[in-house]
Amino acid sequence: MTYTALIRPVLEYGYQIYQVASQRNLNKSERVQLSSVRIITGLQSCCRKAIVLFEADIQSWSLRRQTNSARYIAKLKSLGSFNRTSKFILQWASNQRLKKDSSIGVIWKRGFWILTLNHVFLLAA
C-alpha cells in the first residue's frame, strides 16, 4: 500500500524525539495520517476517523507511536549494559542532567519503561 511505503515512514521517523512535542503538533501529525488515508481509500471527509482507519486496516498514529515507544524501551532493556545508550537509560534515574520533558522522561511518565517484552507484543496485536 502506498501509505505504508511512503507516508508512514516519514511520520514515524524519530518518534522517540518528537513525542515530547505539544499535543497540538501531535494532532497535526495525526491529521496528516488521516488525510493521506482518506485520499488513498477514497472516503470523504464526512466519514469518522475510526471508520476510515478501519477500512484502510491501519492503526491510528498515536497508537503506533505508543507501541513503537514500548518496543524501543524493551529493546534497550534487553541490551543490558552492553550498549552505551541502554546503559545510560538504565541508570538515568540517578542522572540529574535529564530534563523532566526529555523524551526519556516522557516515556517514563507514560509507563512504557515498566513494560516487558510480552506486553509489547500484546500492545501490537
PDB file of N, CA and C in Angstrom:
ATOM      1  N   MET A   1       0.838  -1.179   0.000  1.00  0.00           N
ATOM      2  CA  MET A   1       0.000   0.000   0.000  1.00  0.00           C
ATOM      3  C   MET A   1       0.884   1.244   0.000  1.00  0.00           C
ATOM      4  N   THR A   2       0.428   2.263  -0.652  1.00  0.00           N
ATOM      5  CA  THR A   2       1.178   3.499  -0.789  1.00  0.00           C
ATOM      6  C   THR A   2       1.445   4.153   0.563  1.00  0.00           C
ATOM      7  N   TYR A   3       0.477   4.109   1.445  1.00  0.00           N
ATOM      8  CA  TYR A   3       0.633   4.748   2.753  1.00  0.00           C
ATOM      9  C   TYR A   3       1.790   4.135   3.532  1.00  0.00           C
ATOM     10  N   THR A   4       1.833   2.793   3.605  1.00  0.00           N
ATOM     11  CA  THR A   4       2.874   2.140   4.404  1.00  0.00           C
ATOM     12  C   THR A   4       4.253   2.288   3.779  1.00  0.00           C
ATOM     13  N   ALA A   5       4.313   2.507   2.478  1.00  0.00           N
ATOM     14  CA  ALA A   5       5.609   2.637   1.821  1.00  0.00           C
ATOM     15  C   ALA A   5       6.131   4.070   1.810  1.00  0.00           C
ATOM     16  N   LEU A   6       5.247   5.035   1.688  1.00  0.00           N
ATOM     17  CA  LEU A   6       5.701   6.411   1.500  1.00  0.00           C
ATOM     18  C   LEU A   6       5.435   7.348   2.669  1.00  0.00           C
ATOM     19  N   ILE A   7       4.282   7.248   3.276  1.00  0.00           N
ATOM     20  CA  ILE A   7       3.878   8.250   4.262  1.00  0.00           C
ATOM     21  C   ILE A   7       4.228   7.836   5.685  1.00  0.00           C
ATOM     22  N   ARG A   8       3.924   6.591   6.058  1.00  0.00           N
ATOM     23  CA  ARG A   8       4.161   6.158   7.431  1.00  0.00           C
ATOM     24  C   ARG A   8       5.626   6.254   7.848  1.00  0.00           C
ATOM     25  N   PRO A   9       6.603   5.877   7.004  1.00  0.00           N
ATOM     26  CA  PRO A   9       7.997   6.041   7.447  1.00  0.00           C
ATOM     27  C   PRO A   9       8.371   7.490   7.755  1.00  0.00           C
ATOM     28  N   VAL A  10       7.818   8.417   7.006  1.00  0.00           N
ATOM     29  CA  VAL A  10       8.111   9.836   7.253  1.00  0.00           C
ATOM     30  C   VAL A  10       7.504  10.274   8.581  1.00  0.00           C
ATOM     31  N   LEU A  11       6.277   9.839   8.862  1.00  0.00           N
ATOM     32  CA  LEU A  11       5.616  10.212  10.116  1.00  0.00           C
ATOM     33  C   LEU A  11       6.309   9.596  11.327  1.00  0.00           C
ATOM     34  N   GLU A  12       6.789   8.365  11.183  1.00  0.00           N
ATOM     35  CA  GLU A  12       7.334   7.660  12.336  1.00  0.00           C
ATOM     36  C   GLU A  12       8.823   7.870  12.546  1.00  0.00           C
ATOM     37  N   TYR A  13       9.492   8.523  11.632  1.00  0.00           N
ATOM     38  CA  TYR A  13      10.925   8.730  11.774  1.00  0.00           C
ATOM     39  C   TYR A  13      11.194   9.638  12.974  1.00  0.00           C
ATOM     40  N   GLY A  14      11.964   9.157  13.912  1.00  0.00           N
ATOM     41  CA  GLY A  14      12.333   9.952  15.072  1.00  0.00           C
ATOM     42  C   GLY A  14      11.241  10.127  16.105  1.00  0.00           C
ATOM     43  N   TYR A  15      10.323   9.165  16.210  1.00  0.00           N
ATOM     44  CA  TYR A  15       9.207   9.307  17.152  1.00  0.00           C
ATOM     45  C   TYR A  15       9.685   9.400  18.595  1.00  0.00           C
ATOM     46  N   GLN A  16      10.856   8.844  18.907  1.00  0.00           N
ATOM     47  CA  GLN A  16      11.354   8.924  20.277  1.00  0.00           C
ATOM     48  C   GLN A  16      11.639  10.367  20.667  1.00  0.00           C
ATOM     49  N   ILE A  17      12.003  11.171  19.705  1.00  0.00           N
ATOM     50  CA  ILE A  17      12.362  12.557  19.982  1.00  0.00           C
ATOM     51  C   ILE A  17      11.136  13.459  20.015  1.00  0.00           C
ATOM     52  N   TYR A  18      10.289  13.368  19.010  1.00  0.00           N
ATOM     53  CA  TYR A  18       9.191  14.333  18.936  1.00  0.00           C
ATOM     54  C   TYR A  18       7.947  13.918  19.696  1.00  0.00           C
ATOM     55  N   GLN A  19       7.996  12.837  20.452  1.00  0.00           N
ATOM     56  CA  GLN A  19       6.826  12.507  21.264  1.00  0.00           C
ATOM     57  C   GLN A  19       6.663  13.469  22.439  1.00  0.00           C
ATOM     58  N   VAL A  20       7.648  14.305  22.674  1.00  0.00           N
ATOM     59  CA  VAL A  20       7.526  15.321  23.714  1.00  0.00           C
ATOM     60  C   VAL A  20       6.957  16.619  23.154  1.00  0.00           C
ATOM     61  N   ALA A  21       6.589  16.608  21.891  1.00  0.00           N
ATOM     62  CA  ALA A  21       6.004  17.798  21.273  1.00  0.00           C
ATOM     63  C   ALA A  21       4.651  18.093  21.906  1.00  0.00           C
ATOM     64  N   SER A  22       4.177  19.281  21.669  1.00  0.00           N
ATOM     65  CA  SER A  22       2.878  19.655  22.229  1.00  0.00           C
ATOM     66  C   SER A  22       1.775  18.813  21.599  1.00  0.00           C
ATOM     67  N   GLN A  23       0.673  18.711  22.303  1.00  0.00           N
ATOM     68  CA  GLN A  23      -0.451  17.913  21.809  1.00  0.00           C
ATOM     69  C   GLN A  23      -0.980  18.485  20.496  1.00  0.00           C
ATOM     70  N   ARG A  24      -0.889  19.782  20.350  1.00  0.00           N
ATOM     71  CA  ARG A  24      -1.338  20.424  19.110  1.00  0.00           C
ATOM     72  C   ARG A  24      -0.520  19.930  17.915  1.00  0.00           C
ATOM     73  N   ASN A  25       0.801  19.859  18.065  1.00  0.00           N
ATOM     74  CA  ASN A  25       1.646  19.375  16.975  1.00  0.00           C
ATOM     75  C   ASN A  25       1.444  17.887  16.719  1.00  0.00           C
ATOM     76  N   LEU A  26       1.228  17.114  17.767  1.00  0.00           N
ATOM     77  CA  LEU A  26       0.949  15.691  17.576  1.00  0.00           C
ATOM     78  C   LEU A  26      -0.373  15.493  16.845  1.00  0.00           C
ATOM     79  N   ASN A  27      -1.349  16.330  17.143  1.00  0.00           N
ATOM     80  CA  ASN A  27      -2.632  16.256  16.434  1.00  0.00           C
ATOM     81  C   ASN A  27      -2.479  16.606  14.958  1.00  0.00           C
ATOM     82  N   LYS A  28      -1.579  17.526  14.648  1.00  0.00           N
ATOM     83  CA  LYS A  28      -1.326  17.852  13.245  1.00  0.00           C
ATOM     84  C   LYS A  28      -0.773  16.641  12.502  1.00  0.00           C
ATOM     85  N   SER A  29       0.134  15.925  13.127  1.00  0.00           N
ATOM     86  CA  SER A  29       0.678  14.717  12.501  1.00  0.00           C
ATOM     87  C   SER A  29      -0.400  13.660  12.331  1.00  0.00           C
ATOM     88  N   GLU A  30      -1.280  13.574  13.299  1.00  0.00           N
ATOM     89  CA  GLU A  30      -2.404  12.634  13.197  1.00  0.00           C
ATOM     90  C   GLU A  30      -3.308  13.014  12.020  1.00  0.00           C
ATOM     91  N   ARG A  31      -3.502  14.308  11.814  1.00  0.00           N
ATOM     92  CA  ARG A  31      -4.330  14.756  10.682  1.00  0.00           C
ATOM     93  C   ARG A  31      -3.667  14.467   9.347  1.00  0.00           C
ATOM     94  N   VAL A  32      -2.330  14.538   9.297  1.00  0.00           N
ATOM     95  CA  VAL A  32      -1.619  14.181   8.065  1.00  0.00           C
ATOM     96  C   VAL A  32      -1.891  12.724   7.726  1.00  0.00           C
ATOM     97  N   GLN A  33      -1.811  11.861   8.742  1.00  0.00           N
ATOM     98  CA  GLN A  33      -2.097  10.452   8.513  1.00  0.00           C
ATOM     99  C   GLN A  33      -3.528  10.274   8.017  1.00  0.00           C
ATOM    100  N   LEU A  34      -4.456  10.899   8.675  1.00  0.00           N
ATOM    101  CA  LEU A  34      -5.861  10.725   8.330  1.00  0.00           C
ATOM    102  C   LEU A  34      -6.173  11.244   6.926  1.00  0.00           C
ATOM    103  N   SER A  35      -5.626  12.396   6.574  1.00  0.00           N
ATOM    104  CA  SER A  35      -5.909  12.926   5.235  1.00  0.00           C
ATOM    105  C   SER A  35      -5.292  12.062   4.146  1.00  0.00           C
ATOM    106  N   SER A  36      -4.102  11.529   4.391  1.00  0.00           N
ATOM    107  CA  SER A  36      -3.495  10.656   3.385  1.00  0.00           C
ATOM    108  C   SER A  36      -4.267   9.350   3.249  1.00  0.00           C
ATOM    109  N   VAL A  37      -4.761   8.813   4.351  1.00  0.00           N
ATOM    110  CA  VAL A  37      -5.554   7.583   4.284  1.00  0.00           C
ATOM    111  C   VAL A  37      -6.885   7.855   3.590  1.00  0.00           C
ATOM    112  N   ARG A  38      -7.464   9.018   3.811  1.00  0.00           N
ATOM    113  CA  ARG A  38      -8.708   9.373   3.104  1.00  0.00           C
ATOM    114  C   ARG A  38      -8.485   9.432   1.594  1.00  0.00           C
ATOM    115  N   ILE A  39      -7.370  10.005   1.182  1.00  0.00           N
ATOM    116  CA  ILE A  39      -7.068  10.092  -0.246  1.00  0.00           C
ATOM    117  C   ILE A  39      -6.878   8.696  -0.835  1.00  0.00           C
ATOM    118  N   ILE A  40      -6.156   7.844  -0.122  1.00  0.00           N
ATOM    119  CA  ILE A  40      -5.873   6.502  -0.623  1.00  0.00           C
ATOM    120  C   ILE A  40      -7.141   5.663  -0.707  1.00  0.00           C
ATOM    121  N   THR A  41      -7.974   5.729   0.320  1.00  0.00           N
ATOM    122  CA  THR A  41      -9.184   4.908   0.330  1.00  0.00           C
ATOM    123  C   THR A  41     -10.317   5.530  -0.472  1.00  0.00           C
ATOM    124  N   GLY A  42     -10.270   6.821  -0.714  1.00  0.00           N
ATOM    125  CA  GLY A  42     -11.330   7.488  -1.454  1.00  0.00           C
ATOM    126  C   GLY A  42     -12.529   7.851  -0.602  1.00  0.00           C
ATOM    127  N   LEU A  43     -12.404   7.730   0.711  1.00  0.00           N
ATOM    128  CA  LEU A  43     -13.505   8.091   1.605  1.00  0.00           C
ATOM    129  C   LEU A  43     -13.540   9.605   1.796  1.00  0.00           C
ATOM    130  N   GLN A  44     -14.723  10.120   1.951  1.00  0.00           N
ATOM    131  CA  GLN A  44     -14.878  11.565   2.065  1.00  0.00           C
ATOM    132  C   GLN A  44     -14.657  12.026   3.501  1.00  0.00           C
ATOM    133  N   SER A  45     -14.603  13.330   3.659  1.00  0.00           N
ATOM    134  CA  SER A  45     -14.313  13.895   4.977  1.00  0.00           C
ATOM    135  C   SER A  45     -15.476  13.754   5.949  1.00  0.00           C
ATOM    136  N   CYS A  46     -16.656  13.370   5.466  1.00  0.00           N
ATOM    137  CA  CYS A  46     -17.787  13.204   6.381  1.00  0.00           C
ATOM    138  C   CYS A  46     -17.699  11.886   7.155  1.00  0.00           C
ATOM    139  N   CYS A  47     -16.835  10.974   6.723  1.00  0.00           N
ATOM    140  CA  CYS A  47     -16.665   9.701   7.439  1.00  0.00           C
ATOM    141  C   CYS A  47     -15.843   9.926   8.698  1.00  0.00           C
ATOM    142  N   ARG A  48     -16.205   9.235   9.759  1.00  0.00           N
ATOM    143  CA  ARG A  48     -15.467   9.362  11.017  1.00  0.00           C
ATOM    144  C   ARG A  48     -14.079   8.757  10.892  1.00  0.00           C
ATOM    145  N   LYS A  49     -13.194   9.224  11.741  1.00  0.00           N
ATOM    146  CA  LYS A  49     -11.801   8.784  11.727  1.00  0.00           C
ATOM    147  C   LYS A  49     -11.689   7.279  11.941  1.00  0.00           C
ATOM    148  N   ALA A  50     -12.448   6.739  12.876  1.00  0.00           N
ATOM    149  CA  ALA A  50     -12.374   5.307  13.174  1.00  0.00           C
ATOM    150  C   ALA A  50     -12.777   4.470  11.967  1.00  0.00           C
ATOM    151  N   ILE A  51     -13.759   4.924  11.218  1.00  0.00           N
ATOM    152  CA  ILE A  51     -14.211   4.186  10.039  1.00  0.00           C
ATOM    153  C   ILE A  51     -13.145   4.209   8.953  1.00  0.00           C
ATOM    154  N   VAL A  52     -12.540   5.364   8.750  1.00  0.00           N
ATOM    155  CA  VAL A  52     -11.505   5.494   7.717  1.00  0.00           C
ATOM    156  C   VAL A  52     -10.324   4.586   8.037  1.00  0.00           C
ATOM    157  N   LEU A  53      -9.870   4.597   9.287  1.00  0.00           N
ATOM    158  CA  LEU A  53      -8.734   3.763   9.667  1.00  0.00           C
ATOM    159  C   LEU A  53      -9.084   2.282   9.600  1.00  0.00           C
ATOM    160  N   PHE A  54     -10.316   1.928   9.952  1.00  0.00           N
ATOM    161  CA  PHE A  54     -10.744   0.534   9.886  1.00  0.00           C
ATOM    162  C   PHE A  54     -10.787   0.049   8.437  1.00  0.00           C
ATOM    163  N   GLU A  55     -11.329   0.856   7.557  1.00  0.00           N
ATOM    164  CA  GLU A  55     -11.413   0.476   6.141  1.00  0.00           C
ATOM    165  C   GLU A  55     -10.031   0.310   5.518  1.00  0.00           C
ATOM    166  N   ALA A  56      -9.083   1.117   5.949  1.00  0.00           N
ATOM    167  CA  ALA A  56      -7.726   1.028   5.412  1.00  0.00           C
ATOM    168  C   ALA A  56      -6.889  -0.010   6.148  1.00  0.00           C
ATOM    169  N   ASP A  57      -7.432  -0.576   7.242  1.00  0.00           N
ATOM    170  CA  ASP A  57      -6.720  -1.556   8.070  1.00  0.00           C
ATOM    171  C   ASP A  57      -5.401  -0.975   8.590  1.00  0.00           C
ATOM    172  N   ILE A  58      -5.498   0.219   9.166  1.00  0.00           N
ATOM    173  CA  ILE A  58      -4.334   0.939   9.679  1.00  0.00           C
ATOM    174  C   ILE A  58      -4.622   1.378  11.106  1.00  0.00           C
ATOM    175  N   GLN A  59      -3.604   1.263  11.978  1.00  0.00           N
ATOM    176  CA  GLN A  59      -3.732   1.757  13.346  1.00  0.00           C
ATOM    177  C   GLN A  59      -3.599   3.276  13.348  1.00  0.00           C
ATOM    178  N   SER A  60      -4.191   3.894  14.341  1.00  0.00           N
ATOM    179  CA  SER A  60      -4.021   5.342  14.460  1.00  0.00           C
ATOM    180  C   SER A  60      -2.557   5.648  14.763  1.00  0.00           C
ATOM    181  N   TRP A  61      -2.152   6.849  14.399  1.00  0.00           N
ATOM    182  CA  TRP A  61      -0.753   7.219  14.548  1.00  0.00           C
ATOM    183  C   TRP A  61      -0.341   7.266  16.018  1.00  0.00           C
ATOM    184  N   SER A  62      -1.232   7.728  16.877  1.00  0.00           N
ATOM    185  CA  SER A  62      -0.898   7.804  18.302  1.00  0.00           C
ATOM    186  C   SER A  62      -0.730   6.409  18.903  1.00  0.00           C
ATOM    187  N   LEU A  63      -1.544   5.455  18.486  1.00  0.00           N
ATOM    188  CA  LEU A  63      -1.400   4.083  18.980  1.00  0.00           C
ATOM    189  C   LEU A  63      -0.103   3.457  18.486  1.00  0.00           C
ATOM    190  N   ARG A  64       0.247   3.686  17.232  1.00  0.00           N
ATOM    191  CA  ARG A  64       1.514   3.165  16.705  1.00  0.00           C
ATOM    192  C   ARG A  64       2.701   3.806  17.418  1.00  0.00           C
ATOM    193  N   ARG A  65       2.583   5.089  17.739  1.00  0.00           N
ATOM    194  CA  ARG A  65       3.671   5.768  18.444  1.00  0.00           C
ATOM    195  C   ARG A  65       3.874   5.158  19.827  1.00  0.00           C
ATOM    196  N   GLN A  66       2.784   4.860  20.528  1.00  0.00           N
ATOM    197  CA  GLN A  66       2.889   4.226  21.843  1.00  0.00           C
ATOM    198  C   GLN A  66       3.493   2.832  21.733  1.00  0.00           C
ATOM    199  N   THR A  67       3.037   2.064  20.755  1.00  0.00           N
ATOM    200  CA  THR A  67       3.549   0.711  20.568  1.00  0.00           C
ATOM    201  C   THR A  67       5.029   0.738  20.218  1.00  0.00           C
ATOM    202  N   ASN A  68       5.416   1.627  19.319  1.00  0.00           N
ATOM    203  CA  ASN A  68       6.824   1.722  18.933  1.00  0.00           C
ATOM    204  C   ASN A  68       7.692   2.184  20.094  1.00  0.00           C
ATOM    205  N   SER A  69       7.180   3.073  20.931  1.00  0.00           N
ATOM    206  CA  SER A  69       7.945   3.508  22.105  1.00  0.00           C
ATOM    207  C   SER A  69       8.158   2.350  23.067  1.00  0.00           C
ATOM    208  N   ALA A  70       7.128   1.547  23.264  1.00  0.00           N
ATOM    209  CA  ALA A  70       7.258   0.388  24.148  1.00  0.00           C
ATOM    210  C   ALA A  70       8.253  -0.614  23.578  1.00  0.00           C
ATOM    211  N   ARG A  71       8.235  -0.816  22.282  1.00  0.00           N
ATOM    212  CA  ARG A  71       9.203  -1.726  21.651  1.00  0.00           C
ATOM    213  C   ARG A  71      10.620  -1.197  21.787  1.00  0.00           C
ATOM    214  N   TYR A  72      10.782   0.105  21.613  1.00  0.00           N
ATOM    215  CA  TYR A  72      12.102   0.714  21.717  1.00  0.00           C
ATOM    216  C   TYR A  72      12.672   0.538  23.124  1.00  0.00           C
ATOM    217  N   ILE A  73      11.843   0.777  24.120  1.00  0.00           N
ATOM    218  CA  ILE A  73      12.290   0.609  25.502  1.00  0.00           C
ATOM    219  C   ILE A  73      12.602  -0.853  25.792  1.00  0.00           C
ATOM    220  N   ALA A  74      11.764  -1.767  25.300  1.00  0.00           N
ATOM    221  CA  ALA A  74      12.021  -3.196  25.511  1.00  0.00           C
ATOM    222  C   ALA A  74      13.334  -3.607  24.861  1.00  0.00           C
ATOM    223  N   LYS A  75      13.621  -3.054  23.704  1.00  0.00           N
ATOM    224  CA  LYS A  75      14.878  -3.366  23.025  1.00  0.00           C
ATOM    225  C   LYS A  75      16.064  -2.848  23.831  1.00  0.00           C
ATOM    226  N   LEU A  76      15.952  -1.623  24.333  1.00  0.00           N
ATOM    227  CA  LEU A  76      17.043  -1.069  25.133  1.00  0.00           C
ATOM    228  C   LEU A  76      17.246  -1.855  26.425  1.00  0.00           C
ATOM    229  N   LYS A  77      16.133  -2.285  27.036  1.00  0.00           N
ATOM    230  CA  LYS A  77      16.256  -3.069  28.263  1.00  0.00           C
ATOM    231  C   LYS A  77      16.895  -4.421  27.991  1.00  0.00           C
ATOM    232  N   SER A  78      16.618  -5.008  26.827  1.00  0.00           N
ATOM    233  CA  SER A  78      17.170  -6.321  26.520  1.00  0.00           C
ATOM    234  C   SER A  78      18.665  -6.256  26.217  1.00  0.00           C
ATOM    235  N   LEU A  79      19.155  -5.094  25.798  1.00  0.00           N
ATOM    236  CA  LEU A  79      20.578  -4.961  25.512  1.00  0.00           C
ATOM    237  C   LEU A  79      21.414  -4.939  26.785  1.00  0.00           C
ATOM    238  N   GLY A  80      20.800  -4.562  27.890  1.00  0.00           N
ATOM    239  CA  GLY A  80      21.520  -4.528  29.160  1.00  0.00           C
ATOM    240  C   GLY A  80      22.592  -3.459  29.160  1.00  0.00           C
ATOM    241  N   SER A  81      23.687  -3.737  29.822  1.00  0.00           N
ATOM    242  CA  SER A  81      24.756  -2.748  29.945  1.00  0.00           C
ATOM    243  C   SER A  81      25.800  -2.889  28.844  1.00  0.00           C
ATOM    244  N   PHE A  82      25.529  -3.697  27.830  1.00  0.00           N
ATOM    245  CA  PHE A  82      26.489  -3.879  26.744  1.00  0.00           C
ATOM    246  C   PHE A  82      26.442  -2.726  25.741  1.00  0.00           C
ATOM    247  N   ASN A  83      25.354  -2.018  25.703  1.00  0.00           N
ATOM    248  CA  ASN A  83      25.174  -0.908  24.782  1.00  0.00           C
ATOM    249  C   ASN A  83      25.248   0.394  25.570  1.00  0.00           C
ATOM    250  N   ARG A  84      25.946   1.400  25.025  1.00  0.00           N
ATOM    251  CA  ARG A  84      26.122   2.658  25.753  1.00  0.00           C
ATOM    252  C   ARG A  84      24.803   3.378  25.997  1.00  0.00           C
ATOM    253  N   THR A  85      23.941   3.410  24.990  1.00  0.00           N
ATOM    254  CA  THR A  85      22.648   4.080  25.155  1.00  0.00           C
ATOM    255  C   THR A  85      21.801   3.363  26.182  1.00  0.00           C
ATOM    256  N   SER A  86      21.773   2.040  26.083  1.00  0.00           N
ATOM    257  CA  SER A  86      20.988   1.250  27.023  1.00  0.00           C
ATOM    258  C   SER A  86      21.510   1.420  28.447  1.00  0.00           C
ATOM    259  N   LYS A  87      22.811   1.410  28.598  1.00  0.00           N
ATOM    260  CA  LYS A  87      23.406   1.570  29.924  1.00  0.00           C
ATOM    261  C   LYS A  87      23.047   2.934  30.519  1.00  0.00           C
ATOM    262  N   PHE A  88      23.093   3.971  29.696  1.00  0.00           N
ATOM    263  CA  PHE A  88      22.746   5.309  30.162  1.00  0.00           C
ATOM    264  C   PHE A  88      21.289   5.373  30.599  1.00  0.00           C
ATOM    265  N   ILE A  89      20.401   4.803  29.798  1.00  0.00           N
ATOM    266  CA  ILE A  89      18.974   4.878  30.110  1.00  0.00           C
ATOM    267  C   ILE A  89      18.633   4.032  31.325  1.00  0.00           C
ATOM    268  N   LEU A  90      19.272   2.884  31.465  1.00  0.00           N
ATOM    269  CA  LEU A  90      19.011   2.052  32.633  1.00  0.00           C
ATOM    270  C   LEU A  90      19.441   2.741  33.925  1.00  0.00           C
ATOM    271  N   GLN A  91      20.417   3.638  33.844  1.00  0.00           N
ATOM    272  CA  GLN A  91      20.901   4.343  35.024  1.00  0.00           C
ATOM    273  C   GLN A  91      20.420   5.794  35.068  1.00  0.00           C
ATOM    274  N   TRP A  92      19.429   6.129  34.262  1.00  0.00           N
ATOM    275  CA  TRP A  92      19.060   7.529  34.108  1.00  0.00           C
ATOM    276  C   TRP A  92      18.411   8.117  35.353  1.00  0.00           C
ATOM    277  N   ALA A  93      17.835   7.293  36.204  1.00  0.00           N
ATOM    278  CA  ALA A  93      17.152   7.822  37.385  1.00  0.00           C
ATOM    279  C   ALA A  93      18.120   8.565  38.299  1.00  0.00           C
ATOM    280  N   SER A  94      19.364   8.111  38.340  1.00  0.00           N
ATOM    281  CA  SER A  94      20.344   8.780  39.191  1.00  0.00           C
ATOM    282  C   SER A  94      21.050   9.921  38.460  1.00  0.00           C
ATOM    283  N   ASN A  95      20.746  10.087  37.183  1.00  0.00           N
ATOM    284  CA  ASN A  95      21.392  11.134  36.398  1.00  0.00           C
ATOM    285  C   ASN A  95      20.533  12.396  36.455  1.00  0.00           C
ATOM    286  N   GLN A  96      21.038  13.441  37.054  1.00  0.00           N
ATOM    287  CA  GLN A  96      20.261  14.660  37.255  1.00  0.00           C
ATOM    288  C   GLN A  96      20.259  15.581  36.037  1.00  0.00           C
ATOM    289  N   ARG A  97      21.001  15.229  34.985  1.00  0.00           N
ATOM    290  CA  ARG A  97      21.079  16.111  33.826  1.00  0.00           C
ATOM    291  C   ARG A  97      19.844  16.023  32.939  1.00  0.00           C
ATOM    292  N   LEU A  98      19.050  14.978  33.085  1.00  0.00           N
ATOM    293  CA  LEU A  98      17.880  14.833  32.220  1.00  0.00           C
ATOM    294  C   LEU A  98      16.783  15.811  32.626  1.00  0.00           C
ATOM    295  N   LYS A  99      16.206  16.442  31.669  1.00  0.00           N
ATOM    296  CA  LYS A  99      15.090  17.346  31.917  1.00  0.00           C
ATOM    297  C   LYS A  99      13.821  16.530  32.110  1.00  0.00           C
ATOM    298  N   LYS A 100      12.850  17.098  32.793  1.00  0.00           N
ATOM    299  CA  LYS A 100      11.615  16.359  33.029  1.00  0.00           C
ATOM    300  C   LYS A 100      10.812  16.174  31.747  1.00  0.00           C
ATOM    301  N   ASP A 101      11.011  17.040  30.755  1.00  0.00           N
ATOM    302  CA  ASP A 101      10.291  16.917  29.494  1.00  0.00           C
ATOM    303  C   ASP A 101      11.134  16.273  28.398  1.00  0.00           C
ATOM    304  N   SER A 102      12.235  15.622  28.767  1.00  0.00           N
ATOM    305  CA  SER A 102      13.015  14.928  27.752  1.00  0.00           C
ATOM    306  C   SER A 102      12.230  13.723  27.255  1.00  0.00           C
ATOM    307  N   SER A 103      12.629  13.201  26.116  1.00  0.00           N
ATOM    308  CA  SER A 103      11.887  12.071  25.552  1.00  0.00           C
ATOM    309  C   SER A 103      11.937  10.860  26.474  1.00  0.00           C
ATOM    310  N   ILE A 104      13.040  10.662  27.161  1.00  0.00           N
ATOM    311  CA  ILE A 104      13.135   9.547  28.106  1.00  0.00           C
ATOM    312  C   ILE A 104      12.210   9.792  29.290  1.00  0.00           C
ATOM    313  N   GLY A 105      12.154  11.033  29.754  1.00  0.00           N
ATOM    314  CA  GLY A 105      11.258  11.362  30.853  1.00  0.00           C
ATOM    315  C   GLY A 105       9.800  11.155  30.503  1.00  0.00           C
ATOM    316  N   VAL A 106       9.430  11.482  29.275  1.00  0.00           N
ATOM    317  CA  VAL A 106       8.050  11.279  28.837  1.00  0.00           C
ATOM    318  C   VAL A 106       7.729   9.795  28.772  1.00  0.00           C
ATOM    319  N   ILE A 107       8.657   9.004  28.260  1.00  0.00           N
ATOM    320  CA  ILE A 107       8.449   7.554  28.215  1.00  0.00           C
ATOM    321  C   ILE A 107       8.273   7.016  29.629  1.00  0.00           C
ATOM    322  N   TRP A 108       9.064   7.524  30.549  1.00  0.00           N
ATOM    323  CA  TRP A 108       8.965   7.080  31.944  1.00  0.00           C
ATOM    324  C   TRP A 108       7.604   7.441  32.527  1.00  0.00           C
ATOM    325  N   LYS A 109       7.155   8.696  32.308  1.00  0.00           N
ATOM    326  CA  LYS A 109       5.875   9.144  32.864  1.00  0.00           C
ATOM    327  C   LYS A 109       4.691   8.383  32.278  1.00  0.00           C
ATOM    328  N   ARG A 110       4.774   8.015  31.025  1.00  0.00           N
ATOM    329  CA  ARG A 110       3.662   7.312  30.379  1.00  0.00           C
ATOM    330  C   ARG A 110       3.649   5.825  30.684  1.00  0.00           C
ATOM    331  N   GLY A 111       4.623   5.339  31.413  1.00  0.00           N
ATOM    332  CA  GLY A 111       4.602   3.959  31.870  1.00  0.00           C
ATOM    333  C   GLY A 111       5.171   2.953  30.894  1.00  0.00           C
ATOM    334  N   PHE A 112       5.821   3.397  29.811  1.00  0.00           N
ATOM    335  CA  PHE A 112       6.368   2.445  28.858  1.00  0.00           C
ATOM    336  C   PHE A 112       7.598   1.737  29.415  1.00  0.00           C
ATOM    337  N   TRP A 113       8.264   2.367  30.376  1.00  0.00           N
ATOM    338  CA  TRP A 113       9.512   1.816  30.885  1.00  0.00           C
ATOM    339  C   TRP A 113       9.299   0.494  31.611  1.00  0.00           C
ATOM    340  N   ILE A 114       8.160   0.322  32.261  1.00  0.00           N
ATOM    341  CA  ILE A 114       7.937  -0.875  33.062  1.00  0.00           C
ATOM    342  C   ILE A 114       7.391  -2.038  32.249  1.00  0.00           C
ATOM    343  N   LEU A 115       7.126  -1.811  30.973  1.00  0.00           N
ATOM    344  CA  LEU A 115       6.591  -2.882  30.145  1.00  0.00           C
ATOM    345  C   LEU A 115       7.661  -3.924  29.858  1.00  0.00           C
ATOM    346  N   THR A 116       7.246  -5.147  29.813  1.00  0.00           N
ATOM    347  CA  THR A 116       8.148  -6.217  29.412  1.00  0.00           C
ATOM    348  C   THR A 116       7.890  -6.545  27.959  1.00  0.00           C
ATOM    349  N   LEU A 117       8.691  -7.426  27.412  1.00  0.00           N
ATOM    350  CA  LEU A 117       8.561  -7.775  26.007  1.00  0.00           C
ATOM    351  C   LEU A 117       7.220  -8.417  25.713  1.00  0.00           C
ATOM    352  N   ASN A 118       6.671  -9.193  26.647  1.00  0.00           N
ATOM    353  CA  ASN A 118       5.367  -9.817  26.427  1.00  0.00           C
ATOM    354  C   ASN A 118       4.277  -8.765  26.289  1.00  0.00           C
ATOM    355  N   HIS A 119       4.348  -7.709  27.083  1.00  0.00           N
ATOM    356  CA  HIS A 119       3.360  -6.640  26.999  1.00  0.00           C
ATOM    357  C   HIS A 119       3.447  -5.912  25.660  1.00  0.00           C
ATOM    358  N   VAL A 120       4.652  -5.783  25.135  1.00  0.00           N
ATOM    359  CA  VAL A 120       4.828  -5.084  23.869  1.00  0.00           C
ATOM    360  C   VAL A 120       4.090  -5.813  22.763  1.00  0.00           C
ATOM    361  N   PHE A 121       4.199  -7.126  22.741  1.00  0.00           N
ATOM    362  CA  PHE A 121       3.515  -7.879  21.698  1.00  0.00           C
ATOM    363  C   PHE A 121       2.006  -7.849  21.901  1.00  0.00           C
ATOM    364  N   LEU A 122       1.550  -7.747  23.147  1.00  0.00           N
ATOM    365  CA  LEU A 122       0.115  -7.615  23.383  1.00  0.00           C
ATOM    366  C   LEU A 122      -0.394  -6.270  22.887  1.00  0.00           C
ATOM    367  N   LEU A 123       0.410  -5.219  23.060  1.00  0.00           N
ATOM    368  CA  LEU A 123       0.014  -3.904  22.574  1.00  0.00           C
ATOM    369  C   LEU A 123      -0.065  -3.874  21.054  1.00  0.00           C
ATOM    370  N   ALA A 124       0.834  -4.589  20.400  1.00  0.00           N
ATOM    371  CA  ALA A 124       0.881  -4.564  18.943  1.00  0.00           C
ATOM    372  C   ALA A 124      -0.259  -5.346  18.315  1.00  0.00           C
ATOM    373  N   ALA A 125      -0.833  -6.290  19.040  1.00  0.00           N
ATOM    374  CA  ALA A 125      -1.885  -7.136  18.460  1.00  0.00           C
ATOM    375  C   ALA A 125      -3.200  -6.422  18.346  1.00  0.00           C
TER     376      ALA A 125
END
